[in-house]
Amino acid sequence: MQKIPATVITGFLGAGKTTMIRNLLSNAGGRKIALIINEFGDLGVDGDVLKGCGAEACTEDDIIELTNGCICCTVADDFIPTMTRLLERENRPDHIVIETSGLALPQPLVAAFNWPDIRTQVTVDGVVTVVDSAAVAAGRFADDHDKVDAARVQDESLDHESPIEELFEDQLTCADLIVLNKTDLIDAAGLESVKAEVASRIARKPAMIAAKNGDVPSAVLLGLGIGTESDLEARKSHHEMEHESGEEHSHDEFDSFVVELGPVADPAGFVEKLRGVIAEHDILRLKGFVDVPAKPMRLQIQAVGSRIDQYFDRAWTSGESRATRLVVIGLHDMDEAAVRDAIAALA
């Protein structure tokens, strides 16, 4: 029996993974696709967005959400049983697409495809890492080595390692294809700088393409034929190397929580003030839905740093509780109470 190809789509918070998958589902080339989504946080925003896209290639029954934690830490508890149930279906998919959390390590997930019950039926067609080019161009993941060295001279006890940069490099290291997304937000010189920065982060040299608004043809994303699960030795993450030295891997560097509010009468003003809250508290990612009174549709908000996208994505359904719900993701030392109060004061 021919193995089902699976594509793992990874990338940092807000890189544009969900938008790219939505485009993919709308132009699947006749393939029946099953989609597994893993989100960091308690509110299934990405799954809700994709379920509303109406693509024939992937119905609501074909979309499976894993919200019990980061997929790289819950492989045995969540991912393996999910894959098993999917493969037991009478009408099996032509292709499986897996969207990891923006905080996930793709390496443990790819390794799971070597489990006995899976490796005979599924192969990893390829790992696609999506990069927010505008963020990289702004230096969000760049080390300032001179500044770090100067600080260490003054205080050798300081730890200047950034978990964000390590995670960024881990996701690049596992890639078979790197999509430099959001190139419409930078100029040609900026794009060349991003290419150089990304290439400098990894020893491997996967294919790299530029994209705008997550618009990448399905023929490019699907059918890579890599068999990534057989090539893990060259893709070790920082955490895997730390494991070899006896250190434990966790996601304690990051925190996530949901803020629930009532209706927002002035959405434009709300979003503008939200930028200030994000900047003041160094929020990495904010996403969710806003209830705007007298509007039959819900307002979707997607924020990466101070850059906020907003649009009405679909109508509120009958029986659905209208409310404003936002997922906030930041580093572990983020003051949750202060952030909650600051956002509540905006409504």
C-alpha atoms as a PDB file:
ATOM      1  CA  MET A   1       0.000   0.000   0.000  1.00  0.00           C
ATOM      2  CA  GLN A   2       1.403   3.383  -1.011  1.00  0.00           C
ATOM      3  CA  LYS A   3       2.377   5.631   1.883  1.00  0.00           C
ATOM      4  CA  ILE A   4       0.358   8.807   2.460  1.00  0.00           C
ATOM      5  CA  PRO A   5       2.587  11.904   2.188  1.00  0.00           C
ATOM      6  CA  ALA A   6       2.503  14.360   5.098  1.00  0.00           C
ATOM      7  CA  THR A   7       3.724  17.950   5.027  1.00  0.00           C
ATOM      8  CA  VAL A   8       4.797  19.592   8.287  1.00  0.00           C
ATOM      9  CA  ILE A   9       4.392  23.382   8.254  1.00  0.00           C
ATOM     10  CA  THR A  10       6.259  25.145  10.995  1.00  0.00           C
ATOM     11  CA  GLY A  11       7.480  28.660  11.676  1.00  0.00           C
ATOM     12  CA  PHE A  12       7.592  31.253  14.394  1.00  0.00           C
ATOM     13  CA  LEU A  13       4.574  33.029  15.845  1.00  0.00           C
ATOM     14  CA  GLY A  14       2.765  35.154  13.276  1.00  0.00           C
ATOM     15  CA  ALA A  15       4.892  34.097  10.300  1.00  0.00           C
ATOM     16  CA  GLY A  16       1.765  33.422   8.233  1.00  0.00           C
ATOM     17  CA  LYS A  17       1.373  29.639   8.451  1.00  0.00           C
ATOM     18  CA  THR A  18      -2.433  29.663   8.715  1.00  0.00           C
ATOM     19  CA  THR A  19      -2.847  32.058   5.791  1.00  0.00           C
ATOM     20  CA  MET A  20      -0.568  29.906   3.639  1.00  0.00           C
ATOM     21  CA  ILE A  21      -2.513  26.757   4.546  1.00  0.00           C
ATOM     22  CA  ARG A  22      -5.810  28.479   3.778  1.00  0.00           C
ATOM     23  CA  ASN A  23      -4.467  29.359   0.322  1.00  0.00           C
ATOM     24  CA  LEU A  24      -3.243  25.794  -0.084  1.00  0.00           C
ATOM     25  CA  LEU A  25      -6.646  24.295   0.751  1.00  0.00           C
ATOM     26  CA  SER A  26      -8.327  26.576  -1.786  1.00  0.00           C
ATOM     27  CA  ASN A  27      -5.950  25.384  -4.519  1.00  0.00           C
ATOM     28  CA  ALA A  28      -5.265  21.761  -3.620  1.00  0.00           C
ATOM     29  CA  GLY A  29      -5.226  20.430  -7.172  1.00  0.00           C
ATOM     30  CA  GLY A  30      -7.917  17.831  -6.524  1.00  0.00           C
ATOM     31  CA  ARG A  31      -6.219  16.282  -3.485  1.00  0.00           C
ATOM     32  CA  LYS A  32      -8.295  15.347  -0.434  1.00  0.00           C
ATOM     33  CA  ILE A  33      -6.365  16.837   2.480  1.00  0.00           C
ATOM     34  CA  ALA A  34      -6.560  16.093   6.194  1.00  0.00           C
ATOM     35  CA  LEU A  35      -5.310  18.910   8.412  1.00  0.00           C
ATOM     36  CA  ILE A  36      -3.910  18.594  11.934  1.00  0.00           C
ATOM     37  CA  ILE A  37      -3.497  21.893  13.798  1.00  0.00           C
ATOM     38  CA  ASN A  38      -1.578  22.425  17.027  1.00  0.00           C
ATOM     39  CA  GLU A  39      -1.880  25.774  18.799  1.00  0.00           C
ATOM     40  CA  PHE A  40      -0.087  27.249  21.790  1.00  0.00           C
ATOM     41  CA  GLY A  41      -2.897  28.540  23.963  1.00  0.00           C
ATOM     42  CA  ASP A  42      -6.419  27.568  24.940  1.00  0.00           C
ATOM     43  CA  LEU A  43      -8.366  29.199  22.117  1.00  0.00           C
ATOM     44  CA  GLY A  44      -8.439  27.406  18.757  1.00  0.00           C
ATOM     45  CA  VAL A  45      -8.148  30.516  16.578  1.00  0.00           C
ATOM     46  CA  ASP A  46      -6.272  28.952  13.652  1.00  0.00           C
ATOM     47  CA  GLY A  47      -8.604  25.969  13.435  1.00  0.00           C
ATOM     48  CA  ASP A  48     -11.622  28.229  13.491  1.00  0.00           C
ATOM     49  CA  VAL A  49     -10.184  30.334  10.671  1.00  0.00           C
ATOM     50  CA  LEU A  50      -9.475  27.294   8.503  1.00  0.00           C
ATOM     51  CA  LYS A  51     -12.850  25.678   9.161  1.00  0.00           C
ATOM     52  CA  GLY A  52     -14.468  28.799   7.757  1.00  0.00           C
ATOM     53  CA  CYS A  53     -12.543  28.769   4.471  1.00  0.00           C
ATOM     54  CA  GLY A  54     -15.083  26.487   2.743  1.00  0.00           C
ATOM     55  CA  ALA A  55     -12.478  24.561   0.753  1.00  0.00           C
ATOM     56  CA  GLU A  56     -13.769  21.368  -0.858  1.00  0.00           C
ATOM     57  CA  ALA A  57     -10.365  19.732  -0.424  1.00  0.00           C
ATOM     58  CA  CYS A  58     -10.656  19.832   3.359  1.00  0.00           C
ATOM     59  CA  THR A  59     -14.033  19.722   5.114  1.00  0.00           C
ATOM     60  CA  GLU A  60     -14.589  20.449   8.808  1.00  0.00           C
ATOM     61  CA  ASP A  61     -14.435  16.699   9.490  1.00  0.00           C
ATOM     62  CA  ASP A  62     -10.934  16.654   8.004  1.00  0.00           C
ATOM     63  CA  ILE A  63      -9.637  19.350  10.391  1.00  0.00           C
ATOM     64  CA  ILE A  64      -8.305  18.064  13.713  1.00  0.00           C
ATOM     65  CA  GLU A  65      -7.190  20.444  16.463  1.00  0.00           C
ATOM     66  CA  LEU A  66      -4.693  19.562  19.192  1.00  0.00           C
ATOM     67  CA  THR A  67      -4.850  22.146  21.997  1.00  0.00           C
ATOM     68  CA  ASN A  68      -3.453  20.165  24.947  1.00  0.00           C
ATOM     69  CA  GLY A  69      -0.003  21.669  24.651  1.00  0.00           C
ATOM     70  CA  CYS A  70       2.883  21.980  22.260  1.00  0.00           C
ATOM     71  CA  ILE A  71       2.855  19.062  19.826  1.00  0.00           C
ATOM     72  CA  CYS A  72       6.565  18.388  20.237  1.00  0.00           C
ATOM     73  CA  CYS A  73       5.943  17.626  23.929  1.00  0.00           C
ATOM     74  CA  THR A  74       2.719  15.629  23.494  1.00  0.00           C
ATOM     75  CA  VAL A  75       3.659  13.341  20.597  1.00  0.00           C
ATOM     76  CA  ALA A  76       2.792  10.114  22.412  1.00  0.00           C
ATOM     77  CA  ASP A  77      -0.350  11.443  24.124  1.00  0.00           C
ATOM     78  CA  ASP A  78      -1.910  13.442  21.290  1.00  0.00           C
ATOM     79  CA  PHE A  79      -0.266  13.131  17.906  1.00  0.00           C
ATOM     80  CA  ILE A  80       0.192   9.356  17.645  1.00  0.00           C
ATOM     81  CA  PRO A  81      -3.439   8.522  18.644  1.00  0.00           C
ATOM     82  CA  THR A  82      -4.693  11.238  16.270  1.00  0.00           C
ATOM     83  CA  MET A  83      -2.693   9.815  13.375  1.00  0.00           C
ATOM     84  CA  THR A  84      -3.866   6.305  14.204  1.00  0.00           C
ATOM     85  CA  ARG A  85      -7.531   7.335  14.106  1.00  0.00           C
ATOM     86  CA  LEU A  86      -6.961   9.205  10.852  1.00  0.00           C
ATOM     87  CA  LEU A  87      -5.366   6.175   9.202  1.00  0.00           C
ATOM     88  CA  GLU A  88      -8.208   3.925  10.347  1.00  0.00           C
ATOM     89  CA  ARG A  89     -10.748   5.938   8.362  1.00  0.00           C
ATOM     90  CA  GLU A  90     -12.390   4.169   5.460  1.00  0.00           C
ATOM     91  CA  ASN A  91     -11.982   7.250   3.265  1.00  0.00           C
ATOM     92  CA  ARG A  92      -8.310   8.050   3.859  1.00  0.00           C
ATOM     93  CA  PRO A  93      -6.816  11.389   2.759  1.00  0.00           C
ATOM     94  CA  ASP A  94      -4.527  11.832  -0.227  1.00  0.00           C
ATOM     95  CA  HIS A  95      -2.255  14.126   1.783  1.00  0.00           C
ATOM     96  CA  ILE A  96      -1.882  15.151   5.429  1.00  0.00           C
ATOM     97  CA  VAL A  97      -0.878  18.704   6.376  1.00  0.00           C
ATOM     98  CA  ILE A  98       0.272  19.413   9.933  1.00  0.00           C
ATOM     99  CA  GLU A  99       0.492  22.985  11.214  1.00  0.00           C
ATOM    100  CA  THR A 100       2.658  23.140  14.329  1.00  0.00           C
ATOM    101  CA  SER A 101       2.418  25.744  17.034  1.00  0.00           C
ATOM    102  CA  GLY A 102       4.661  28.747  16.502  1.00  0.00           C
ATOM    103  CA  LEU A 103       6.568  27.578  19.584  1.00  0.00           C
ATOM    104  CA  ALA A 104       7.026  23.950  18.498  1.00  0.00           C
ATOM    105  CA  LEU A 105      10.197  22.109  17.642  1.00  0.00           C
ATOM    106  CA  PRO A 106       9.509  20.227  14.393  1.00  0.00           C
ATOM    107  CA  GLN A 107      12.216  17.606  15.056  1.00  0.00           C
ATOM    108  CA  PRO A 108      10.331  15.485  17.655  1.00  0.00           C
ATOM    109  CA  LEU A 109       7.234  15.554  15.478  1.00  0.00           C
ATOM    110  CA  VAL A 110       9.142  14.336  12.419  1.00  0.00           C
ATOM    111  CA  ALA A 111      10.781  11.620  14.539  1.00  0.00           C
ATOM    112  CA  ALA A 112       7.306  10.357  15.474  1.00  0.00           C
ATOM    113  CA  PHE A 113       6.816   9.246  11.877  1.00  0.00           C
ATOM    114  CA  ASN A 114       9.321   6.474  12.636  1.00  0.00           C
ATOM    115  CA  TRP A 115       6.894   4.879  15.118  1.00  0.00           C
ATOM    116  CA  PRO A 116       6.076   1.315  13.934  1.00  0.00           C
ATOM    117  CA  ASP A 117       2.345   1.916  13.419  1.00  0.00           C
ATOM    118  CA  ILE A 118       2.964   5.042  11.347  1.00  0.00           C
ATOM    119  CA  ARG A 119       6.143   4.530   9.315  1.00  0.00           C
ATOM    120  CA  THR A 120       4.573   1.776   7.211  1.00  0.00           C
ATOM    121  CA  GLN A 121       1.655   3.995   6.201  1.00  0.00           C
ATOM    122  CA  VAL A 122       2.875   7.620   6.148  1.00  0.00           C
ATOM    123  CA  THR A 123       6.027   9.450   5.119  1.00  0.00           C
ATOM    124  CA  VAL A 124       7.065  13.066   5.689  1.00  0.00           C
ATOM    125  CA  ASP A 125       6.882  14.604   2.227  1.00  0.00           C
ATOM    126  CA  GLY A 126       8.751  17.609   3.569  1.00  0.00           C
ATOM    127  CA  VAL A 127       9.061  20.201   6.331  1.00  0.00           C
ATOM    128  CA  VAL A 128       8.122  23.746   5.287  1.00  0.00           C
ATOM    129  CA  THR A 129       9.332  26.556   7.560  1.00  0.00           C
ATOM    130  CA  VAL A 130       7.569  29.910   7.160  1.00  0.00           C
ATOM    131  CA  VAL A 131       9.561  33.041   8.053  1.00  0.00           C
ATOM    132  CA  ASP A 132       8.206  36.520   8.788  1.00  0.00           C
ATOM    133  CA  SER A 133      10.593  38.447   6.525  1.00  0.00           C
ATOM    134  CA  ALA A 134       9.557  41.844   7.876  1.00  0.00           C
ATOM    135  CA  ALA A 135      10.339  40.766  11.442  1.00  0.00           C
ATOM    136  CA  VAL A 136      13.748  39.410  10.459  1.00  0.00           C
ATOM    137  CA  ALA A 137      14.525  42.566   8.478  1.00  0.00           C
ATOM    138  CA  ALA A 138      13.711  44.581  11.606  1.00  0.00           C
ATOM    139  CA  GLY A 139      16.288  42.567  13.578  1.00  0.00           C
ATOM    140  CA  ARG A 140      13.788  40.711  15.713  1.00  0.00           C
ATOM    141  CA  PHE A 141      15.848  37.515  15.625  1.00  0.00           C
ATOM    142  CA  ALA A 142      19.291  39.030  15.119  1.00  0.00           C
ATOM    143  CA  ASP A 143      22.104  38.930  17.672  1.00  0.00           C
ATOM    144  CA  ASP A 144      24.039  42.122  18.354  1.00  0.00           C
ATOM    145  CA  HIS A 145      27.290  40.398  19.222  1.00  0.00           C
ATOM    146  CA  ASP A 146      29.210  43.597  20.021  1.00  0.00           C
ATOM    147  CA  LYS A 147      26.568  44.717  22.510  1.00  0.00           C
ATOM    148  CA  VAL A 148      26.449  41.268  24.137  1.00  0.00           C
ATOM    149  CA  ASP A 149      30.227  41.095  24.463  1.00  0.00           C
ATOM    150  CA  ALA A 150      30.345  44.583  25.976  1.00  0.00           C
ATOM    151  CA  ALA A 151      27.710  43.629  28.550  1.00  0.00           C
ATOM    152  CA  ARG A 152      29.541  40.435  29.452  1.00  0.00           C
ATOM    153  CA  VAL A 153      32.709  42.370  30.144  1.00  0.00           C
ATOM    154  CA  GLN A 154      30.772  44.311  32.770  1.00  0.00           C
ATOM    155  CA  ASP A 155      28.919  41.308  34.199  1.00  0.00           C
ATOM    156  CA  GLU A 156      30.154  37.831  33.278  1.00  0.00           C
ATOM    157  CA  SER A 157      27.263  36.199  35.159  1.00  0.00           C
ATOM    158  CA  LEU A 158      24.651  37.513  32.711  1.00  0.00           C
ATOM    159  CA  ASP A 159      22.919  34.961  30.479  1.00  0.00           C
ATOM    160  CA  HIS A 160      22.299  36.568  27.101  1.00  0.00           C
ATOM    161  CA  GLU A 161      20.957  33.552  25.228  1.00  0.00           C
ATOM    162  CA  SER A 162      17.551  34.135  23.711  1.00  0.00           C
ATOM    163  CA  PRO A 163      15.086  31.220  23.581  1.00  0.00           C
ATOM    164  CA  ILE A 164      13.372  32.958  20.669  1.00  0.00           C
ATOM    165  CA  GLU A 165      16.527  32.901  18.562  1.00  0.00           C
ATOM    166  CA  GLU A 166      17.213  29.257  19.405  1.00  0.00           C
ATOM    167  CA  LEU A 167      13.681  28.292  18.431  1.00  0.00           C
ATOM    168  CA  PHE A 168      13.969  30.261  15.191  1.00  0.00           C
ATOM    169  CA  GLU A 169      17.168  28.400  14.320  1.00  0.00           C
ATOM    170  CA  ASP A 170      15.666  25.027  15.275  1.00  0.00           C
ATOM    171  CA  GLN A 171      12.743  25.529  12.900  1.00  0.00           C
ATOM    172  CA  LEU A 172      15.094  26.559  10.090  1.00  0.00           C
ATOM    173  CA  THR A 173      17.404  23.616  10.759  1.00  0.00           C
ATOM    174  CA  CYS A 174      14.597  21.097  10.189  1.00  0.00           C
ATOM    175  CA  ALA A 175      13.341  22.701   6.968  1.00  0.00           C
ATOM    176  CA  ASP A 176      13.278  21.153   3.491  1.00  0.00           C
ATOM    177  CA  LEU A 177      11.766  24.360   2.133  1.00  0.00           C
ATOM    178  CA  ILE A 178      11.948  27.842   3.683  1.00  0.00           C
ATOM    179  CA  VAL A 179       9.214  30.300   2.691  1.00  0.00           C
ATOM    180  CA  LEU A 180      10.272  33.914   3.227  1.00  0.00           C
ATOM    181  CA  ASN A 181       6.783  35.317   3.710  1.00  0.00           C
ATOM    182  CA  LYS A 182       5.532  38.928   3.908  1.00  0.00           C
ATOM    183  CA  THR A 183       8.099  40.147   1.375  1.00  0.00           C
ATOM    184  CA  ASP A 184       5.619  42.844   0.346  1.00  0.00           C
ATOM    185  CA  LEU A 185       6.512  44.607   3.606  1.00  0.00           C
ATOM    186  CA  ILE A 186      10.207  45.015   2.714  1.00  0.00           C
ATOM    187  CA  ASP A 187      12.174  46.274  -0.303  1.00  0.00           C
ATOM    188  CA  ALA A 188      14.592  44.325  -2.520  1.00  0.00           C
ATOM    189  CA  ALA A 189      17.624  45.199  -0.400  1.00  0.00           C
ATOM    190  CA  GLY A 190      15.766  44.121   2.715  1.00  0.00           C
ATOM    191  CA  LEU A 191      14.903  40.782   1.131  1.00  0.00           C
ATOM    192  CA  GLU A 192      18.532  40.112   0.266  1.00  0.00           C
ATOM    193  CA  SER A 193      19.466  40.936   3.854  1.00  0.00           C
ATOM    194  CA  VAL A 194      16.821  38.501   5.145  1.00  0.00           C
ATOM    195  CA  LYS A 195      18.086  35.743   2.846  1.00  0.00           C
ATOM    196  CA  ALA A 196      21.616  36.246   4.145  1.00  0.00           C
ATOM    197  CA  GLU A 197      20.461  36.330   7.769  1.00  0.00           C
ATOM    198  CA  VAL A 198      18.415  33.139   7.440  1.00  0.00           C
ATOM    199  CA  ALA A 199      21.212  31.313   5.598  1.00  0.00           C
ATOM    200  CA  SER A 200      23.698  32.306   8.307  1.00  0.00           C
ATOM    201  CA  ARG A 201      21.583  30.630  10.985  1.00  0.00           C
ATOM    202  CA  ILE A 202      21.888  27.065   9.674  1.00  0.00           C
ATOM    203  CA  ALA A 203      24.510  24.703   8.329  1.00  0.00           C
ATOM    204  CA  ARG A 204      22.097  22.944   5.976  1.00  0.00           C
ATOM    205  CA  LYS A 205      21.044  24.670   2.753  1.00  0.00           C
ATOM    206  CA  PRO A 206      17.361  23.929   2.104  1.00  0.00           C
ATOM    207  CA  ALA A 207      15.519  25.531  -0.798  1.00  0.00           C
ATOM    208  CA  MET A 208      14.361  29.087  -0.081  1.00  0.00           C
ATOM    209  CA  ILE A 209      11.548  30.998  -1.819  1.00  0.00           C
ATOM    210  CA  ALA A 210       9.929  34.415  -1.339  1.00  0.00           C
ATOM    211  CA  ALA A 211       6.161  34.869  -0.888  1.00  0.00           C
ATOM    212  CA  LYS A 212       3.538  37.529  -0.231  1.00  0.00           C
ATOM    213  CA  ASN A 213       0.432  36.923   1.889  1.00  0.00           C
ATOM    214  CA  GLY A 214       1.249  33.217   2.167  1.00  0.00           C
ATOM    215  CA  ASP A 215       0.518  32.736  -1.540  1.00  0.00           C
ATOM    216  CA  VAL A 216       2.525  29.656  -2.540  1.00  0.00           C
ATOM    217  CA  PRO A 217       1.224  27.179  -5.171  1.00  0.00           C
ATOM    218  CA  SER A 218       0.267  23.731  -3.881  1.00  0.00           C
ATOM    219  CA  ALA A 219       2.588  22.245  -6.514  1.00  0.00           C
ATOM    220  CA  VAL A 220       5.487  23.915  -4.691  1.00  0.00           C
ATOM    221  CA  LEU A 221       4.453  22.963  -1.146  1.00  0.00           C
ATOM    222  CA  LEU A 222       3.265  19.405  -1.818  1.00  0.00           C
ATOM    223  CA  GLY A 223       5.130  16.620  -3.552  1.00  0.00           C
ATOM    224  CA  LEU A 224       8.646  17.396  -2.282  1.00  0.00           C
ATOM    225  CA  GLY A 225       9.198  13.648  -1.759  1.00  0.00           C
ATOM    226  CA  ILE A 226      11.936  14.090   0.844  1.00  0.00           C
ATOM    227  CA  GLY A 227      11.165  11.368   3.397  1.00  0.00           C
ATOM    228  CA  THR A 228      12.392  13.691   6.156  1.00  0.00           C
ATOM    229  CA  GLU A 229      11.911  11.090   8.906  1.00  0.00           C
ATOM    230  CA  SER A 230      14.925   9.214   7.496  1.00  0.00           C
ATOM    231  CA  ASP A 231      17.177  12.275   7.643  1.00  0.00           C
ATOM    232  CA  LEU A 232      17.011  13.506  11.236  1.00  0.00           C
ATOM    233  CA  GLU A 233      20.663  13.242  12.206  1.00  0.00           C
ATOM    234  CA  ALA A 234      21.577  16.448  10.340  1.00  0.00           C
ATOM    235  CA  ARG A 235      18.615  18.363  11.787  1.00  0.00           C
ATOM    236  CA  LYS A 236      19.202  18.233  15.543  1.00  0.00           C
ATOM    237  CA  SER A 237      17.717  21.093  17.521  1.00  0.00           C
ATOM    238  CA  HIS A 238      19.394  23.027  20.320  1.00  0.00           C
ATOM    239  CA  HIS A 239      17.197  21.140  22.774  1.00  0.00           C
ATOM    240  CA  GLU A 240      18.159  17.751  21.383  1.00  0.00           C
ATOM    241  CA  MET A 241      21.805  18.622  21.813  1.00  0.00           C
ATOM    242  CA  GLU A 242      21.027  19.787  25.342  1.00  0.00           C
ATOM    243  CA  HIS A 243      19.254  16.456  25.988  1.00  0.00           C
ATOM    244  CA  GLU A 244      22.454  14.672  25.015  1.00  0.00           C
ATOM    245  CA  SER A 245      24.209  16.661  27.718  1.00  0.00           C
ATOM    246  CA  GLY A 246      21.507  15.762  30.274  1.00  0.00           C
ATOM    247  CA  GLU A 247      19.445  18.991  30.185  1.00  0.00           C
ATOM    248  CA  GLU A 248      15.647  18.895  30.028  1.00  0.00           C
ATOM    249  CA  HIS A 249      13.517  20.524  27.321  1.00  0.00           C
ATOM    250  CA  SER A 250      10.502  22.587  28.299  1.00  0.00           C
ATOM    251  CA  HIS A 251       8.500  25.559  27.100  1.00  0.00           C
ATOM    252  CA  ASP A 252       8.851  27.432  30.370  1.00  0.00           C
ATOM    253  CA  GLU A 253      10.320  30.354  28.404  1.00  0.00           C
ATOM    254  CA  PHE A 254       6.819  31.154  27.103  1.00  0.00           C
ATOM    255  CA  ASP A 255       3.420  31.805  28.650  1.00  0.00           C
ATOM    256  CA  SER A 256      -0.028  31.954  27.072  1.00  0.00           C
ATOM    257  CA  PHE A 257      -3.442  32.989  28.363  1.00  0.00           C
ATOM    258  CA  VAL A 258      -6.860  34.020  27.052  1.00  0.00           C
ATOM    259  CA  VAL A 259      -8.433  37.423  27.710  1.00  0.00           C
ATOM    260  CA  GLU A 260     -12.250  37.536  27.430  1.00  0.00           C
ATOM    261  CA  LEU A 261     -14.084  40.824  27.064  1.00  0.00           C
ATOM    262  CA  GLY A 262     -17.512  42.095  26.164  1.00  0.00           C
ATOM    263  CA  PRO A 263     -18.437  43.957  22.964  1.00  0.00           C
ATOM    264  CA  VAL A 264     -16.067  46.582  21.550  1.00  0.00           C
ATOM    265  CA  ALA A 265     -17.943  49.616  20.220  1.00  0.00           C
ATOM    266  CA  ASP A 266     -14.917  51.332  18.649  1.00  0.00           C
ATOM    267  CA  PRO A 267     -12.801  48.587  17.024  1.00  0.00           C
ATOM    268  CA  ALA A 268     -10.443  51.035  15.275  1.00  0.00           C
ATOM    269  CA  GLY A 269      -9.646  52.797  18.534  1.00  0.00           C
ATOM    270  CA  PHE A 270      -9.374  49.458  20.343  1.00  0.00           C
ATOM    271  CA  VAL A 271      -6.788  48.181  17.858  1.00  0.00           C
ATOM    272  CA  GLU A 272      -4.792  51.414  17.953  1.00  0.00           C
ATOM    273  CA  LYS A 273      -4.596  51.348  21.761  1.00  0.00           C
ATOM    274  CA  LEU A 274      -3.785  47.633  21.648  1.00  0.00           C
ATOM    275  CA  ARG A 275      -0.528  48.486  19.856  1.00  0.00           C
ATOM    276  CA  GLY A 276       0.555  50.432  22.923  1.00  0.00           C
ATOM    277  CA  VAL A 277      -0.226  47.540  25.256  1.00  0.00           C
ATOM    278  CA  ILE A 278       1.702  45.116  23.026  1.00  0.00           C
ATOM    279  CA  ALA A 279       4.740  47.399  22.949  1.00  0.00           C
ATOM    280  CA  GLU A 280       4.666  48.190  26.674  1.00  0.00           C
ATOM    281  CA  HIS A 281       4.487  44.529  27.731  1.00  0.00           C
ATOM    282  CA  ASP A 282       6.597  43.070  24.875  1.00  0.00           C
ATOM    283  CA  ILE A 283       3.816  40.710  23.767  1.00  0.00           C
ATOM    284  CA  LEU A 284       5.134  38.328  21.089  1.00  0.00           C
ATOM    285  CA  ARG A 285       1.812  37.347  19.552  1.00  0.00           C
ATOM    286  CA  LEU A 286      -1.843  38.250  20.018  1.00  0.00           C
ATOM    287  CA  LYS A 287      -4.743  36.754  18.075  1.00  0.00           C
ATOM    288  CA  GLY A 288      -8.456  36.231  18.450  1.00  0.00           C
ATOM    289  CA  PHE A 289     -11.915  37.567  17.691  1.00  0.00           C
ATOM    290  CA  VAL A 290     -13.726  40.777  18.621  1.00  0.00           C
ATOM    291  CA  ASP A 291     -17.464  41.280  19.072  1.00  0.00           C
ATOM    292  CA  VAL A 292     -18.454  44.551  17.405  1.00  0.00           C
ATOM    293  CA  PRO A 293     -22.038  45.610  18.296  1.00  0.00           C
ATOM    294  CA  ALA A 294     -24.533  45.810  15.402  1.00  0.00           C
ATOM    295  CA  LYS A 295     -22.102  43.909  13.159  1.00  0.00           C
ATOM    296  CA  PRO A 296     -23.291  40.457  12.022  1.00  0.00           C
ATOM    297  CA  MET A 297     -19.694  39.352  11.446  1.00  0.00           C
ATOM    298  CA  ARG A 298     -16.904  38.854  13.941  1.00  0.00           C
ATOM    299  CA  LEU A 299     -13.686  40.869  13.699  1.00  0.00           C
ATOM    300  CA  GLN A 300     -10.538  38.773  13.561  1.00  0.00           C
ATOM    301  CA  ILE A 301      -7.314  40.229  14.984  1.00  0.00           C
ATOM    302  CA  GLN A 302      -3.830  38.885  14.244  1.00  0.00           C
ATOM    303  CA  ALA A 303      -0.925  40.754  15.839  1.00  0.00           C
ATOM    304  CA  VAL A 304       2.815  40.166  15.608  1.00  0.00           C
ATOM    305  CA  GLY A 305       4.584  42.769  17.688  1.00  0.00           C
ATOM    306  CA  SER A 306       3.063  46.162  16.888  1.00  0.00           C
ATOM    307  CA  ARG A 307       1.880  45.030  13.442  1.00  0.00           C
ATOM    308  CA  ILE A 308      -1.845  44.211  13.638  1.00  0.00           C
ATOM    309  CA  ASP A 309      -4.040  42.780  10.871  1.00  0.00           C
ATOM    310  CA  GLN A 310      -7.818  43.032  11.284  1.00  0.00           C
ATOM    311  CA  TYR A 311     -10.725  41.941   9.110  1.00  0.00           C
ATOM    312  CA  PHE A 312     -14.259  40.576   9.406  1.00  0.00           C
ATOM    313  CA  ASP A 313     -13.832  36.876   8.619  1.00  0.00           C
ATOM    314  CA  ARG A 314     -17.317  35.347   8.956  1.00  0.00           C
ATOM    315  CA  ALA A 315     -20.782  35.828  10.430  1.00  0.00           C
ATOM    316  CA  TRP A 316     -21.520  34.804  13.998  1.00  0.00           C
ATOM    317  CA  THR A 317     -23.416  31.527  13.829  1.00  0.00           C
ATOM    318  CA  SER A 318     -26.771  30.873  15.474  1.00  0.00           C
ATOM    319  CA  GLY A 319     -26.265  29.629  19.023  1.00  0.00           C
ATOM    320  CA  GLU A 320     -22.682  30.924  19.105  1.00  0.00           C
ATOM    321  CA  SER A 321     -21.841  33.080  22.099  1.00  0.00           C
ATOM    322  CA  ARG A 322     -20.733  36.509  20.912  1.00  0.00           C
ATOM    323  CA  ALA A 323     -17.743  37.703  22.887  1.00  0.00           C
ATOM    324  CA  THR A 324     -14.277  39.154  22.486  1.00  0.00           C
ATOM    325  CA  ARG A 325     -11.603  36.499  23.053  1.00  0.00           C
ATOM    326  CA  LEU A 326      -7.905  37.123  22.591  1.00  0.00           C
ATOM    327  CA  VAL A 327      -4.950  34.759  23.024  1.00  0.00           C
ATOM    328  CA  VAL A 328      -1.851  36.490  24.404  1.00  0.00           C
ATOM    329  CA  ILE A 329       1.590  34.848  24.038  1.00  0.00           C
ATOM    330  CA  GLY A 330       4.785  36.201  25.563  1.00  0.00           C
ATOM    331  CA  LEU A 331       7.917  35.276  27.465  1.00  0.00           C
ATOM    332  CA  HIS A 332       7.538  33.635  30.863  1.00  0.00           C
ATOM    333  CA  ASP A 333       8.268  36.818  32.825  1.00  0.00           C
ATOM    334  CA  MET A 334       5.345  38.657  31.218  1.00  0.00           C
ATOM    335  CA  ASP A 335       3.096  40.233  33.871  1.00  0.00           C
ATOM    336  CA  GLU A 336      -0.207  38.482  33.089  1.00  0.00           C
ATOM    337  CA  ALA A 337      -2.279  40.504  35.557  1.00  0.00           C
ATOM    338  CA  ALA A 338      -0.978  43.799  34.183  1.00  0.00           C
ATOM    339  CA  VAL A 339      -1.624  42.728  30.599  1.00  0.00           C
ATOM    340  CA  ARG A 340      -5.157  41.597  31.431  1.00  0.00           C
ATOM    341  CA  ASP A 341      -5.914  44.900  33.155  1.00  0.00           C
ATOM    342  CA  ALA A 342      -4.421  46.928  30.328  1.00  0.00           C
ATOM    343  CA  ILE A 343      -6.463  45.127  27.639  1.00  0.00           C
ATOM    344  CA  ALA A 344      -9.650  45.223  29.723  1.00  0.00           C
ATOM    345  CA  ALA A 345      -9.259  48.983  30.044  1.00  0.00           C
ATOM    346  CA  LEU A 346      -9.391  49.342  26.248  1.00  0.00           C
ATOM    347  CA  ALA A 347     -12.868  47.857  25.742  1.00  0.00           C
END
